[in-house]
Amino acid sequence: MVALGLLLCVHWLTYYRALKVSTAAVAILALHTYPVITALIEPFIFRERLRKSDVGLALLVFAGILVMTPELSLSNTTTQGIALGVVSGLFFMTRNLLTRKYVHHYSSSALMFWQMLVTGAVLAPWVVADGVDLSWRSAGLLLLLGVVFTAVPHTMFSASFKHLSAKTVGIIATLLPFYGAFFGYLIHDEALARRTIIGGLIVLVGIVFETLQSVKE
């Protein structure tokens, strides 16, 4: 439980940092490289068959990430967002694989309770040290983010591992880039760069192909 909590904690820290330094579309697309990486690693952990198509898809997604990257320099905020998003995805993938292993022994609600408890315990000292002064509006929005848009979806996400592989769950969750790009534009007026659109489409083509392969199985 502690390991799951720490993995979730680092995933959120790197993901929120990616959102802070870059746009929602870039951060979300970079994060959602994890389903294809999961497809490569999951067979070795659960002794399942590794398909050649999964290796090809991983290379395709990697090509999409390269197209999205404006320059190979961490001084560029878009590159920072991509790097942080991919790292966040790696931690999320590891957490998902461990969740798949233990979800048959514990309820999804219990798993999320302990993960959030560990995350809260780790991050609480920073809240005290920074002396955050919240308004009622900010407190309400944080409560909405924590309960409605975090605890509930993650509990449902964990419950899905009882019926599906980590790879398939991750692939279904890749609808998020569409939501993120749309609401990023609607709420924050975030414009999409041409290379982000092209690279994102390459990533999504790989994800859609993997989805169709999973449905056939």
N, C-alpha and C. Protein backbone atom coordinates (compact mmCIF):
# COMPACT_ATOMS: atom_id res chain seq x y z
N MET A 1 0.83 -1.21 0.00
CA MET A 1 0.00 0.00 0.00
C MET A 1 0.87 1.26 0.00
N VAL A 2 1.95 1.21 0.76
CA VAL A 2 2.86 2.36 0.82
C VAL A 2 3.50 2.58 -0.55
N ALA A 3 3.92 1.50 -1.19
CA ALA A 3 4.53 1.61 -2.52
C ALA A 3 3.54 2.19 -3.53
N LEU A 4 2.30 1.72 -3.50
CA LEU A 4 1.28 2.24 -4.41
C LEU A 4 1.04 3.73 -4.15
N GLY A 5 1.00 4.11 -2.88
CA GLY A 5 0.79 5.51 -2.52
C GLY A 5 1.93 6.40 -2.99
N LEU A 6 3.17 5.94 -2.83
CA LEU A 6 4.33 6.72 -3.25
C LEU A 6 4.37 6.87 -4.77
N LEU A 7 4.03 5.79 -5.48
CA LEU A 7 4.01 5.85 -6.94
C LEU A 7 2.95 6.85 -7.43
N LEU A 8 1.78 6.82 -6.80
CA LEU A 8 0.71 7.75 -7.16
C LEU A 8 1.12 9.18 -6.85
N CYS A 9 1.79 9.37 -5.72
CA CYS A 9 2.24 10.69 -5.30
C CYS A 9 3.21 11.30 -6.32
N VAL A 10 4.21 10.54 -6.72
CA VAL A 10 5.20 11.05 -7.68
C VAL A 10 4.55 11.26 -9.05
N HIS A 11 3.62 10.39 -9.41
CA HIS A 11 2.88 10.55 -10.67
C HIS A 11 2.16 11.89 -10.69
N TRP A 12 1.45 12.20 -9.62
CA TRP A 12 0.72 13.46 -9.57
C TRP A 12 1.65 14.67 -9.56
N LEU A 13 2.73 14.60 -8.80
CA LEU A 13 3.68 15.72 -8.73
C LEU A 13 4.25 16.05 -10.11
N THR A 14 4.70 15.03 -10.83
CA THR A 14 5.28 15.27 -12.15
C THR A 14 4.22 15.69 -13.16
N TYR A 15 3.01 15.14 -13.04
CA TYR A 15 1.94 15.49 -13.97
C TYR A 15 1.48 16.93 -13.77
N TYR A 16 1.26 17.33 -12.52
CA TYR A 16 0.84 18.70 -12.25
C TYR A 16 1.92 19.70 -12.64
N ARG A 17 3.19 19.31 -12.48
CA ARG A 17 4.27 20.18 -12.90
C ARG A 17 4.27 20.33 -14.43
N ALA A 18 3.98 19.23 -15.13
CA ALA A 18 3.89 19.28 -16.60
C ALA A 18 2.77 20.23 -17.03
N LEU A 19 1.64 20.18 -16.34
CA LEU A 19 0.53 21.08 -16.64
C LEU A 19 0.91 22.53 -16.37
N LYS A 20 1.75 22.74 -15.36
CA LYS A 20 2.14 24.09 -14.96
C LYS A 20 3.09 24.73 -15.97
N VAL A 21 4.06 23.95 -16.47
CA VAL A 21 5.07 24.52 -17.36
C VAL A 21 4.65 24.50 -18.83
N SER A 22 3.66 23.64 -19.18
CA SER A 22 3.26 23.52 -20.58
C SER A 22 1.74 23.65 -20.67
N THR A 23 1.17 23.22 -21.78
CA THR A 23 -0.28 23.26 -21.96
C THR A 23 -0.90 21.93 -21.54
N ALA A 24 -2.22 21.94 -21.33
CA ALA A 24 -2.93 20.73 -20.94
C ALA A 24 -2.80 19.66 -22.03
N ALA A 25 -2.89 20.06 -23.30
CA ALA A 25 -2.81 19.09 -24.40
C ALA A 25 -1.45 18.39 -24.43
N VAL A 26 -0.37 19.16 -24.29
CA VAL A 26 0.98 18.58 -24.32
C VAL A 26 1.18 17.63 -23.15
N ALA A 27 0.81 18.07 -21.94
CA ALA A 27 1.01 17.25 -20.74
C ALA A 27 0.21 15.95 -20.83
N ILE A 28 -1.03 16.03 -21.29
CA ILE A 28 -1.90 14.85 -21.35
C ILE A 28 -1.44 13.88 -22.43
N LEU A 29 -1.05 14.42 -23.60
CA LEU A 29 -0.58 13.54 -24.67
C LEU A 29 0.70 12.82 -24.27
N ALA A 30 1.62 13.54 -23.61
CA ALA A 30 2.87 12.92 -23.16
C ALA A 30 2.59 11.85 -22.11
N LEU A 31 1.68 12.15 -21.19
CA LEU A 31 1.31 11.18 -20.15
C LEU A 31 0.77 9.90 -20.78
N HIS A 32 -0.03 10.06 -21.83
CA HIS A 32 -0.71 8.89 -22.40
C HIS A 32 0.13 8.10 -23.39
N THR A 33 1.43 8.20 -23.24
CA THR A 33 2.31 7.22 -23.87
C THR A 33 2.36 5.94 -23.04
N TYR A 34 1.86 6.01 -21.78
CA TYR A 34 2.00 4.87 -20.86
C TYR A 34 1.24 3.61 -21.30
N PRO A 35 0.09 3.69 -21.99
CA PRO A 35 -0.56 2.44 -22.38
C PRO A 35 0.30 1.57 -23.30
N VAL A 36 1.01 2.22 -24.25
CA VAL A 36 1.85 1.44 -25.17
C VAL A 36 3.07 0.89 -24.44
N ILE A 37 3.65 1.70 -23.53
CA ILE A 37 4.77 1.20 -22.73
C ILE A 37 4.31 0.05 -21.85
N THR A 38 3.08 0.15 -21.34
CA THR A 38 2.50 -0.94 -20.55
C THR A 38 2.40 -2.22 -21.37
N ALA A 39 2.00 -2.05 -22.65
CA ALA A 39 1.85 -3.21 -23.53
C ALA A 39 3.18 -3.95 -23.71
N LEU A 40 4.30 -3.22 -23.60
CA LEU A 40 5.61 -3.84 -23.74
C LEU A 40 6.06 -4.55 -22.47
N ILE A 41 5.71 -3.97 -21.32
CA ILE A 41 6.23 -4.46 -20.04
C ILE A 41 5.31 -5.48 -19.37
N GLU A 42 3.99 -5.29 -19.51
CA GLU A 42 3.03 -6.15 -18.83
C GLU A 42 3.20 -7.64 -19.12
N PRO A 43 3.47 -8.05 -20.38
CA PRO A 43 3.63 -9.49 -20.65
C PRO A 43 4.75 -10.14 -19.85
N PHE A 44 5.83 -9.41 -19.56
CA PHE A 44 6.95 -9.98 -18.80
C PHE A 44 6.58 -10.17 -17.33
N ILE A 45 5.73 -9.29 -16.81
CA ILE A 45 5.35 -9.37 -15.40
C ILE A 45 4.30 -10.44 -15.16
N PHE A 46 3.32 -10.53 -16.06
CA PHE A 46 2.21 -11.47 -15.88
C PHE A 46 2.33 -12.71 -16.78
N ARG A 47 3.53 -12.89 -17.37
CA ARG A 47 3.81 -14.06 -18.20
C ARG A 47 2.79 -14.23 -19.32
N GLU A 48 2.59 -13.13 -20.04
CA GLU A 48 1.70 -13.13 -21.19
C GLU A 48 2.52 -12.97 -22.47
N ARG A 49 1.89 -13.18 -23.59
CA ARG A 49 2.60 -13.13 -24.87
C ARG A 49 2.86 -11.70 -25.30
N LEU A 50 4.10 -11.42 -25.68
CA LEU A 50 4.46 -10.11 -26.22
C LEU A 50 4.31 -10.15 -27.74
N ARG A 51 3.52 -9.25 -28.27
CA ARG A 51 3.27 -9.22 -29.71
C ARG A 51 4.26 -8.29 -30.40
N LYS A 52 4.63 -8.67 -31.62
CA LYS A 52 5.52 -7.83 -32.41
C LYS A 52 4.87 -6.48 -32.71
N SER A 53 3.54 -6.49 -32.86
CA SER A 53 2.84 -5.24 -33.16
C SER A 53 2.98 -4.24 -32.03
N ASP A 54 3.08 -4.73 -30.77
CA ASP A 54 3.25 -3.83 -29.63
C ASP A 54 4.59 -3.11 -29.70
N VAL A 55 5.61 -3.82 -30.15
CA VAL A 55 6.93 -3.19 -30.31
C VAL A 55 6.86 -2.11 -31.38
N GLY A 56 6.19 -2.43 -32.50
CA GLY A 56 6.02 -1.45 -33.58
C GLY A 56 5.25 -0.23 -33.12
N LEU A 57 4.20 -0.45 -32.31
CA LEU A 57 3.40 0.66 -31.80
C LEU A 57 4.21 1.54 -30.85
N ALA A 58 5.05 0.92 -30.05
CA ALA A 58 5.90 1.68 -29.14
C ALA A 58 6.82 2.62 -29.92
N LEU A 59 7.37 2.11 -31.03
CA LEU A 59 8.24 2.93 -31.88
C LEU A 59 7.44 4.05 -32.54
N LEU A 60 6.19 3.76 -32.93
CA LEU A 60 5.33 4.78 -33.54
C LEU A 60 5.02 5.89 -32.56
N VAL A 61 4.68 5.51 -31.33
CA VAL A 61 4.37 6.51 -30.30
C VAL A 61 5.61 7.34 -29.98
N PHE A 62 6.76 6.70 -29.93
CA PHE A 62 8.01 7.42 -29.68
C PHE A 62 8.27 8.44 -30.80
N ALA A 63 7.97 8.05 -32.04
CA ALA A 63 8.11 8.98 -33.17
C ALA A 63 7.17 10.18 -33.01
N GLY A 64 5.96 9.91 -32.54
CA GLY A 64 5.01 10.99 -32.31
C GLY A 64 5.49 11.97 -31.26
N ILE A 65 6.11 11.44 -30.20
CA ILE A 65 6.65 12.29 -29.14
C ILE A 65 7.79 13.16 -29.69
N LEU A 66 8.64 12.58 -30.55
CA LEU A 66 9.74 13.34 -31.15
C LEU A 66 9.20 14.48 -32.02
N VAL A 67 8.12 14.22 -32.76
CA VAL A 67 7.52 15.26 -33.59
C VAL A 67 6.98 16.39 -32.71
N MET A 68 6.38 16.04 -31.58
CA MET A 68 5.83 17.05 -30.68
C MET A 68 6.91 17.91 -30.03
N THR A 69 8.10 17.36 -29.87
CA THR A 69 9.17 18.06 -29.16
C THR A 69 9.77 19.15 -30.03
N PRO A 70 9.68 20.42 -29.63
CA PRO A 70 10.19 21.52 -30.45
C PRO A 70 11.71 21.54 -30.54
N GLU A 71 12.39 21.20 -29.46
CA GLU A 71 13.85 21.14 -29.44
C GLU A 71 14.28 20.26 -28.27
N LEU A 72 15.44 19.60 -28.44
CA LEU A 72 15.93 18.71 -27.40
C LEU A 72 16.69 19.51 -26.34
N SER A 73 15.96 20.40 -25.69
CA SER A 73 16.53 21.25 -24.64
C SER A 73 15.49 21.47 -23.56
N LEU A 74 15.88 21.22 -22.32
CA LEU A 74 14.94 21.38 -21.21
C LEU A 74 14.69 22.85 -20.86
N SER A 75 15.35 23.76 -21.59
CA SER A 75 15.05 25.17 -21.40
C SER A 75 13.74 25.55 -22.08
N ASN A 76 13.27 24.69 -23.00
CA ASN A 76 12.01 24.91 -23.68
C ASN A 76 10.88 24.33 -22.83
N THR A 77 9.85 25.14 -22.56
CA THR A 77 8.77 24.70 -21.66
C THR A 77 7.96 23.54 -22.24
N THR A 78 7.79 23.52 -23.57
CA THR A 78 7.06 22.40 -24.18
C THR A 78 7.83 21.10 -23.99
N THR A 79 9.15 21.16 -24.20
CA THR A 79 9.99 19.97 -23.99
C THR A 79 9.93 19.53 -22.52
N GLN A 80 9.95 20.49 -21.60
CA GLN A 80 9.82 20.16 -20.18
C GLN A 80 8.50 19.45 -19.91
N GLY A 81 7.42 19.98 -20.50
CA GLY A 81 6.10 19.36 -20.31
C GLY A 81 6.05 17.95 -20.84
N ILE A 82 6.66 17.71 -22.01
CA ILE A 82 6.69 16.37 -22.59
C ILE A 82 7.49 15.42 -21.71
N ALA A 83 8.69 15.85 -21.28
CA ALA A 83 9.55 15.00 -20.44
C ALA A 83 8.86 14.65 -19.13
N LEU A 84 8.26 15.65 -18.48
CA LEU A 84 7.56 15.41 -17.21
C LEU A 84 6.34 14.52 -17.42
N GLY A 85 5.63 14.71 -18.54
CA GLY A 85 4.46 13.88 -18.83
C GLY A 85 4.82 12.43 -19.03
N VAL A 86 5.92 12.17 -19.76
CA VAL A 86 6.36 10.79 -20.00
C VAL A 86 6.81 10.15 -18.69
N VAL A 87 7.58 10.89 -17.87
CA VAL A 87 8.03 10.37 -16.57
C VAL A 87 6.83 10.07 -15.68
N SER A 88 5.85 10.98 -15.69
CA SER A 88 4.63 10.77 -14.92
C SER A 88 3.91 9.50 -15.37
N GLY A 89 3.89 9.28 -16.70
CA GLY A 89 3.26 8.08 -17.24
C GLY A 89 3.96 6.81 -16.80
N LEU A 90 5.30 6.84 -16.66
CA LEU A 90 6.05 5.67 -16.21
C LEU A 90 5.67 5.30 -14.78
N PHE A 91 5.56 6.31 -13.92
CA PHE A 91 5.16 6.04 -12.53
C PHE A 91 3.71 5.54 -12.48
N PHE A 92 2.85 6.12 -13.32
CA PHE A 92 1.45 5.70 -13.35
C PHE A 92 1.33 4.27 -13.85
N MET A 93 2.13 3.92 -14.87
CA MET A 93 2.13 2.56 -15.40
C MET A 93 2.54 1.56 -14.32
N THR A 94 3.59 1.87 -13.56
CA THR A 94 4.05 0.98 -12.50
C THR A 94 2.98 0.81 -11.44
N ARG A 95 2.32 1.91 -11.10
CA ARG A 95 1.23 1.84 -10.12
C ARG A 95 0.08 0.99 -10.64
N ASN A 96 -0.24 1.10 -11.93
CA ASN A 96 -1.33 0.32 -12.52
C ASN A 96 -1.02 -1.18 -12.51
N LEU A 97 0.22 -1.53 -12.83
CA LEU A 97 0.60 -2.93 -12.86
C LEU A 97 0.53 -3.54 -11.46
N LEU A 98 0.96 -2.78 -10.46
CA LEU A 98 0.84 -3.27 -9.07
C LEU A 98 -0.62 -3.37 -8.64
N THR A 99 -1.44 -2.40 -9.09
CA THR A 99 -2.86 -2.42 -8.76
C THR A 99 -3.52 -3.66 -9.34
N ARG A 100 -3.17 -4.00 -10.58
CA ARG A 100 -3.75 -5.19 -11.21
C ARG A 100 -3.43 -6.44 -10.40
N LYS A 101 -2.24 -6.45 -9.80
CA LYS A 101 -1.81 -7.61 -9.02
C LYS A 101 -2.61 -7.76 -7.73
N TYR A 102 -2.94 -6.62 -7.10
CA TYR A 102 -3.56 -6.68 -5.76
C TYR A 102 -5.06 -6.40 -5.75
N VAL A 103 -5.63 -5.98 -6.88
CA VAL A 103 -7.02 -5.59 -6.88
C VAL A 103 -7.96 -6.76 -6.62
N HIS A 104 -7.49 -7.98 -6.85
CA HIS A 104 -8.33 -9.16 -6.59
C HIS A 104 -8.34 -9.54 -5.11
N HIS A 105 -7.44 -8.95 -4.34
CA HIS A 105 -7.37 -9.24 -2.90
C HIS A 105 -7.97 -8.12 -2.05
N TYR A 106 -8.04 -6.92 -2.62
CA TYR A 106 -8.59 -5.77 -1.88
C TYR A 106 -9.59 -5.05 -2.77
N SER A 107 -10.55 -4.37 -2.17
CA SER A 107 -11.52 -3.60 -2.94
C SER A 107 -10.83 -2.37 -3.53
N SER A 108 -11.37 -1.88 -4.64
CA SER A 108 -10.79 -0.69 -5.28
C SER A 108 -10.87 0.52 -4.35
N SER A 109 -11.94 0.60 -3.54
CA SER A 109 -12.08 1.71 -2.60
C SER A 109 -10.99 1.66 -1.53
N ALA A 110 -10.69 0.47 -1.04
CA ALA A 110 -9.64 0.33 -0.02
C ALA A 110 -8.27 0.67 -0.61
N LEU A 111 -8.03 0.24 -1.83
CA LEU A 111 -6.76 0.55 -2.49
C LEU A 111 -6.57 2.06 -2.63
N MET A 112 -7.61 2.76 -3.09
CA MET A 112 -7.50 4.20 -3.27
C MET A 112 -7.41 4.93 -1.95
N PHE A 113 -8.11 4.43 -0.92
CA PHE A 113 -8.04 5.07 0.40
C PHE A 113 -6.60 5.09 0.90
N TRP A 114 -5.94 3.95 0.85
CA TRP A 114 -4.57 3.86 1.36
C TRP A 114 -3.59 4.64 0.50
N GLN A 115 -3.81 4.61 -0.81
CA GLN A 115 -2.92 5.37 -1.69
C GLN A 115 -3.02 6.88 -1.42
N MET A 116 -4.23 7.36 -1.26
CA MET A 116 -4.42 8.79 -1.00
C MET A 116 -3.95 9.17 0.40
N LEU A 117 -4.10 8.25 1.34
CA LEU A 117 -3.63 8.51 2.70
C LEU A 117 -2.11 8.67 2.71
N VAL A 118 -1.42 7.79 2.00
CA VAL A 118 0.04 7.88 1.90
C VAL A 118 0.45 9.16 1.19
N THR A 119 -0.23 9.46 0.07
CA THR A 119 0.08 10.68 -0.68
C THR A 119 -0.13 11.92 0.19
N GLY A 120 -1.24 11.95 0.93
CA GLY A 120 -1.52 13.08 1.81
C GLY A 120 -0.48 13.24 2.90
N ALA A 121 -0.05 12.11 3.48
CA ALA A 121 0.95 12.14 4.54
C ALA A 121 2.30 12.66 4.03
N VAL A 122 2.64 12.27 2.80
CA VAL A 122 3.92 12.70 2.22
C VAL A 122 3.92 14.19 1.89
N LEU A 123 2.79 14.68 1.38
CA LEU A 123 2.73 16.07 0.89
C LEU A 123 2.29 17.08 1.95
N ALA A 124 1.69 16.61 3.05
CA ALA A 124 1.19 17.52 4.08
C ALA A 124 2.25 18.49 4.61
N PRO A 125 3.49 18.06 4.88
CA PRO A 125 4.50 19.00 5.39
C PRO A 125 4.74 20.20 4.47
N TRP A 126 4.61 20.01 3.15
CA TRP A 126 4.82 21.12 2.23
C TRP A 126 3.69 22.13 2.32
N VAL A 127 2.48 21.66 2.59
CA VAL A 127 1.35 22.58 2.76
C VAL A 127 1.59 23.47 3.97
N VAL A 128 2.08 22.85 5.05
CA VAL A 128 2.36 23.61 6.28
C VAL A 128 3.53 24.56 6.05
N ALA A 129 4.59 24.07 5.40
CA ALA A 129 5.80 24.89 5.18
C ALA A 129 5.52 26.09 4.28
N ASP A 130 4.68 25.90 3.25
CA ASP A 130 4.38 26.99 2.33
C ASP A 130 3.38 27.98 2.91
N GLY A 131 2.69 27.58 3.98
CA GLY A 131 1.72 28.48 4.61
C GLY A 131 0.62 28.90 3.65
N VAL A 132 0.01 27.93 2.98
CA VAL A 132 -1.02 28.22 1.98
C VAL A 132 -2.25 28.83 2.65
N ASP A 133 -2.64 30.00 2.13
CA ASP A 133 -3.81 30.70 2.66
C ASP A 133 -4.93 30.60 1.63
N LEU A 134 -5.87 29.69 1.86
CA LEU A 134 -6.93 29.43 0.89
C LEU A 134 -8.16 30.28 1.15
N SER A 135 -8.74 30.80 0.07
CA SER A 135 -10.04 31.44 0.17
C SER A 135 -11.10 30.35 0.15
N TRP A 136 -12.32 30.72 0.50
CA TRP A 136 -13.40 29.74 0.48
C TRP A 136 -13.60 29.18 -0.93
N ARG A 137 -13.44 30.05 -1.94
CA ARG A 137 -13.61 29.61 -3.33
C ARG A 137 -12.52 28.61 -3.71
N SER A 138 -11.27 28.91 -3.35
CA SER A 138 -10.16 28.01 -3.67
C SER A 138 -10.31 26.68 -2.94
N ALA A 139 -10.74 26.75 -1.67
CA ALA A 139 -10.95 25.53 -0.90
C ALA A 139 -12.04 24.66 -1.53
N GLY A 140 -13.09 25.30 -1.99
CA GLY A 140 -14.18 24.57 -2.64
C GLY A 140 -13.74 23.92 -3.94
N LEU A 141 -12.93 24.66 -4.72
CA LEU A 141 -12.43 24.10 -5.98
C LEU A 141 -11.47 22.95 -5.74
N LEU A 142 -10.64 23.05 -4.71
CA LEU A 142 -9.72 21.96 -4.36
C LEU A 142 -10.49 20.73 -3.90
N LEU A 143 -11.56 20.96 -3.15
CA LEU A 143 -12.42 19.85 -2.70
C LEU A 143 -13.06 19.17 -3.91
N LEU A 144 -13.50 19.97 -4.87
CA LEU A 144 -14.09 19.44 -6.10
C LEU A 144 -13.06 18.63 -6.87
N LEU A 145 -11.84 19.17 -6.97
CA LEU A 145 -10.76 18.47 -7.67
C LEU A 145 -10.40 17.16 -6.97
N GLY A 146 -10.30 17.22 -5.64
CA GLY A 146 -9.87 16.04 -4.88
C GLY A 146 -10.89 14.93 -4.84
N VAL A 147 -12.18 15.29 -4.69
CA VAL A 147 -13.22 14.27 -4.51
C VAL A 147 -13.83 13.84 -5.85
N VAL A 148 -14.39 14.82 -6.57
CA VAL A 148 -15.17 14.50 -7.78
C VAL A 148 -14.26 14.12 -8.95
N PHE A 149 -13.13 14.85 -9.10
CA PHE A 149 -12.30 14.64 -10.28
C PHE A 149 -11.04 13.83 -10.01
N THR A 150 -10.87 13.35 -8.78
CA THR A 150 -9.70 12.53 -8.48
C THR A 150 -10.08 11.23 -7.78
N ALA A 151 -10.65 11.33 -6.58
CA ALA A 151 -10.94 10.13 -5.80
C ALA A 151 -11.94 9.21 -6.50
N VAL A 152 -13.04 9.77 -6.97
CA VAL A 152 -14.08 8.95 -7.62
C VAL A 152 -13.57 8.31 -8.92
N PRO A 153 -12.98 9.09 -9.86
CA PRO A 153 -12.49 8.46 -11.10
C PRO A 153 -11.39 7.43 -10.86
N HIS A 154 -10.47 7.72 -9.93
CA HIS A 154 -9.39 6.77 -9.69
C HIS A 154 -9.91 5.47 -9.05
N THR A 155 -10.93 5.58 -8.23
CA THR A 155 -11.54 4.37 -7.65
C THR A 155 -12.17 3.52 -8.74
N MET A 156 -12.89 4.17 -9.65
CA MET A 156 -13.49 3.47 -10.78
C MET A 156 -12.41 2.88 -11.68
N PHE A 157 -11.33 3.64 -11.88
CA PHE A 157 -10.21 3.19 -12.70
C PHE A 157 -9.59 1.92 -12.11
N SER A 158 -9.37 1.92 -10.78
CA SER A 158 -8.79 0.75 -10.12
C SER A 158 -9.73 -0.45 -10.20
N ALA A 159 -11.05 -0.20 -10.09
CA ALA A 159 -12.02 -1.30 -10.14
C ALA A 159 -12.01 -2.00 -11.49
N SER A 160 -11.66 -1.26 -12.55
CA SER A 160 -11.68 -1.85 -13.89
C SER A 160 -10.62 -2.93 -14.07
N PHE A 161 -9.57 -2.92 -13.22
CA PHE A 161 -8.52 -3.93 -13.33
C PHE A 161 -9.00 -5.33 -12.96
N LYS A 162 -10.17 -5.42 -12.32
CA LYS A 162 -10.73 -6.73 -11.98
C LYS A 162 -11.22 -7.44 -13.24
N HIS A 163 -11.47 -6.68 -14.29
CA HIS A 163 -12.07 -7.24 -15.50
C HIS A 163 -11.19 -7.10 -16.74
N LEU A 164 -10.22 -6.16 -16.70
CA LEU A 164 -9.41 -5.88 -17.89
C LEU A 164 -7.93 -5.84 -17.54
N SER A 165 -7.09 -5.99 -18.54
CA SER A 165 -5.65 -5.87 -18.33
C SER A 165 -5.28 -4.41 -18.15
N ALA A 166 -4.10 -4.17 -17.58
CA ALA A 166 -3.63 -2.79 -17.39
C ALA A 166 -3.48 -2.09 -18.73
N LYS A 167 -3.06 -2.85 -19.76
CA LYS A 167 -2.89 -2.28 -21.09
C LYS A 167 -4.23 -1.78 -21.64
N THR A 168 -5.26 -2.63 -21.56
CA THR A 168 -6.56 -2.28 -22.11
C THR A 168 -7.19 -1.11 -21.36
N VAL A 169 -7.07 -1.11 -20.05
CA VAL A 169 -7.60 0.01 -19.24
C VAL A 169 -6.93 1.31 -19.65
N GLY A 170 -5.60 1.26 -19.81
CA GLY A 170 -4.87 2.46 -20.20
C GLY A 170 -5.28 2.96 -21.57
N ILE A 171 -5.52 2.03 -22.48
CA ILE A 171 -5.90 2.40 -23.84
C ILE A 171 -7.26 3.09 -23.85
N ILE A 172 -8.22 2.55 -23.11
CA ILE A 172 -9.55 3.16 -23.02
C ILE A 172 -9.45 4.58 -22.45
N ALA A 173 -8.54 4.75 -21.48
CA ALA A 173 -8.37 6.05 -20.83
C ALA A 173 -7.76 7.10 -21.74
N THR A 174 -7.30 6.69 -22.93
CA THR A 174 -6.67 7.65 -23.83
C THR A 174 -7.68 8.55 -24.54
N LEU A 175 -8.94 8.44 -24.18
CA LEU A 175 -9.90 9.46 -24.60
C LEU A 175 -9.58 10.79 -23.94
N LEU A 176 -8.81 10.74 -22.85
CA LEU A 176 -8.48 11.94 -22.09
C LEU A 176 -7.81 13.03 -22.94
N PRO A 177 -6.87 12.71 -23.86
CA PRO A 177 -6.28 13.78 -24.66
C PRO A 177 -7.31 14.61 -25.43
N PHE A 178 -8.37 13.96 -25.92
CA PHE A 178 -9.41 14.72 -26.62
C PHE A 178 -10.12 15.66 -25.67
N TYR A 179 -10.47 15.13 -24.48
CA TYR A 179 -11.12 15.98 -23.49
C TYR A 179 -10.21 17.13 -23.08
N GLY A 180 -8.93 16.79 -22.82
CA GLY A 180 -7.98 17.79 -22.33
C GLY A 180 -7.75 18.92 -23.33
N ALA A 181 -7.56 18.55 -24.60
CA ALA A 181 -7.33 19.57 -25.63
C ALA A 181 -8.56 20.48 -25.78
N PHE A 182 -9.74 19.88 -25.74
CA PHE A 182 -10.98 20.65 -25.90
C PHE A 182 -11.19 21.62 -24.74
N PHE A 183 -11.12 21.09 -23.50
CA PHE A 183 -11.37 21.94 -22.34
C PHE A 183 -10.20 22.89 -22.06
N GLY A 184 -8.98 22.51 -22.47
CA GLY A 184 -7.86 23.42 -22.35
C GLY A 184 -8.08 24.66 -23.20
N TYR A 185 -8.64 24.47 -24.40
CA TYR A 185 -8.97 25.60 -25.26
C TYR A 185 -10.16 26.38 -24.71
N LEU A 186 -11.17 25.64 -24.23
CA LEU A 186 -12.41 26.27 -23.77
C LEU A 186 -12.19 27.09 -22.49
N ILE A 187 -11.42 26.53 -21.55
CA ILE A 187 -11.26 27.17 -20.23
C ILE A 187 -10.06 28.12 -20.21
N HIS A 188 -8.94 27.68 -20.79
CA HIS A 188 -7.70 28.47 -20.69
C HIS A 188 -7.29 29.12 -22.00
N ASP A 189 -8.10 28.93 -23.06
CA ASP A 189 -7.79 29.51 -24.36
C ASP A 189 -6.42 29.07 -24.85
N GLU A 190 -6.09 27.78 -24.63
CA GLU A 190 -4.81 27.23 -25.04
C GLU A 190 -4.87 26.81 -26.51
N ALA A 191 -4.02 27.43 -27.32
CA ALA A 191 -3.96 27.08 -28.74
C ALA A 191 -3.03 25.88 -28.94
N LEU A 192 -3.33 25.05 -29.93
CA LEU A 192 -2.52 23.87 -30.22
C LEU A 192 -1.51 24.20 -31.33
N ALA A 193 -0.22 23.98 -31.05
CA ALA A 193 0.79 24.18 -32.08
C ALA A 193 0.66 23.08 -33.13
N ARG A 194 1.11 23.37 -34.36
CA ARG A 194 0.97 22.40 -35.45
C ARG A 194 1.71 21.11 -35.14
N ARG A 195 2.91 21.21 -34.58
CA ARG A 195 3.69 20.00 -34.28
C ARG A 195 3.02 19.20 -33.16
N THR A 196 2.32 19.86 -32.25
CA THR A 196 1.59 19.15 -31.20
C THR A 196 0.43 18.36 -31.80
N ILE A 197 -0.26 18.98 -32.77
CA ILE A 197 -1.37 18.29 -33.44
C ILE A 197 -0.87 17.08 -34.22
N ILE A 198 0.20 17.27 -35.01
CA ILE A 198 0.74 16.18 -35.83
C ILE A 198 1.28 15.04 -34.96
N GLY A 199 2.12 15.40 -33.99
CA GLY A 199 2.68 14.39 -33.09
C GLY A 199 1.61 13.70 -32.28
N GLY A 200 0.62 14.49 -31.81
CA GLY A 200 -0.49 13.91 -31.05
C GLY A 200 -1.31 12.93 -31.87
N LEU A 201 -1.52 13.27 -33.15
CA LEU A 201 -2.27 12.36 -34.02
C LEU A 201 -1.52 11.05 -34.25
N ILE A 202 -0.18 11.14 -34.36
CA ILE A 202 0.62 9.92 -34.52
C ILE A 202 0.47 9.03 -33.29
N VAL A 203 0.56 9.67 -32.10
CA VAL A 203 0.39 8.92 -30.84
C VAL A 203 -0.99 8.29 -30.79
N LEU A 204 -2.02 9.06 -31.14
CA LEU A 204 -3.39 8.56 -31.06
C LEU A 204 -3.66 7.46 -32.08
N VAL A 205 -3.03 7.53 -33.26
CA VAL A 205 -3.18 6.45 -34.25
C VAL A 205 -2.69 5.14 -33.66
N GLY A 206 -1.53 5.19 -33.01
CA GLY A 206 -1.00 3.99 -32.36
C GLY A 206 -1.93 3.47 -31.29
N ILE A 207 -2.50 4.38 -30.52
CA ILE A 207 -3.40 3.99 -29.43
C ILE A 207 -4.69 3.37 -29.97
N VAL A 208 -5.25 3.99 -31.03
CA VAL A 208 -6.48 3.46 -31.64
C VAL A 208 -6.23 2.07 -32.22
N PHE A 209 -5.08 1.88 -32.89
CA PHE A 209 -4.74 0.57 -33.45
C PHE A 209 -4.65 -0.47 -32.34
N GLU A 210 -4.02 -0.09 -31.22
CA GLU A 210 -3.88 -1.02 -30.09
C GLU A 210 -5.25 -1.35 -29.51
N THR A 211 -6.15 -0.35 -29.50
CA THR A 211 -7.51 -0.57 -29.00
C THR A 211 -8.24 -1.61 -29.87
N LEU A 212 -8.13 -1.45 -31.19
CA LEU A 212 -8.79 -2.38 -32.10
C LEU A 212 -8.23 -3.80 -31.94
N GLN A 213 -6.91 -3.89 -31.71
CA GLN A 213 -6.30 -5.20 -31.49
C GLN A 213 -6.84 -5.84 -30.22
N SER A 214 -7.01 -5.03 -29.17
CA SER A 214 -7.52 -5.55 -27.89
C SER A 214 -8.96 -6.04 -28.03
N VAL A 215 -9.76 -5.30 -28.82
CA VAL A 215 -11.17 -5.69 -29.02
C VAL A 215 -11.23 -7.04 -29.74
N LYS A 216 -10.37 -7.23 -30.73
CA LYS A 216 -10.35 -8.50 -31.49
C LYS A 216 -10.01 -9.67 -30.59
N GLU A 217 -9.16 -9.42 -29.58
CA GLU A 217 -8.78 -10.51 -28.68
C GLU A 217 -9.91 -10.84 -27.71
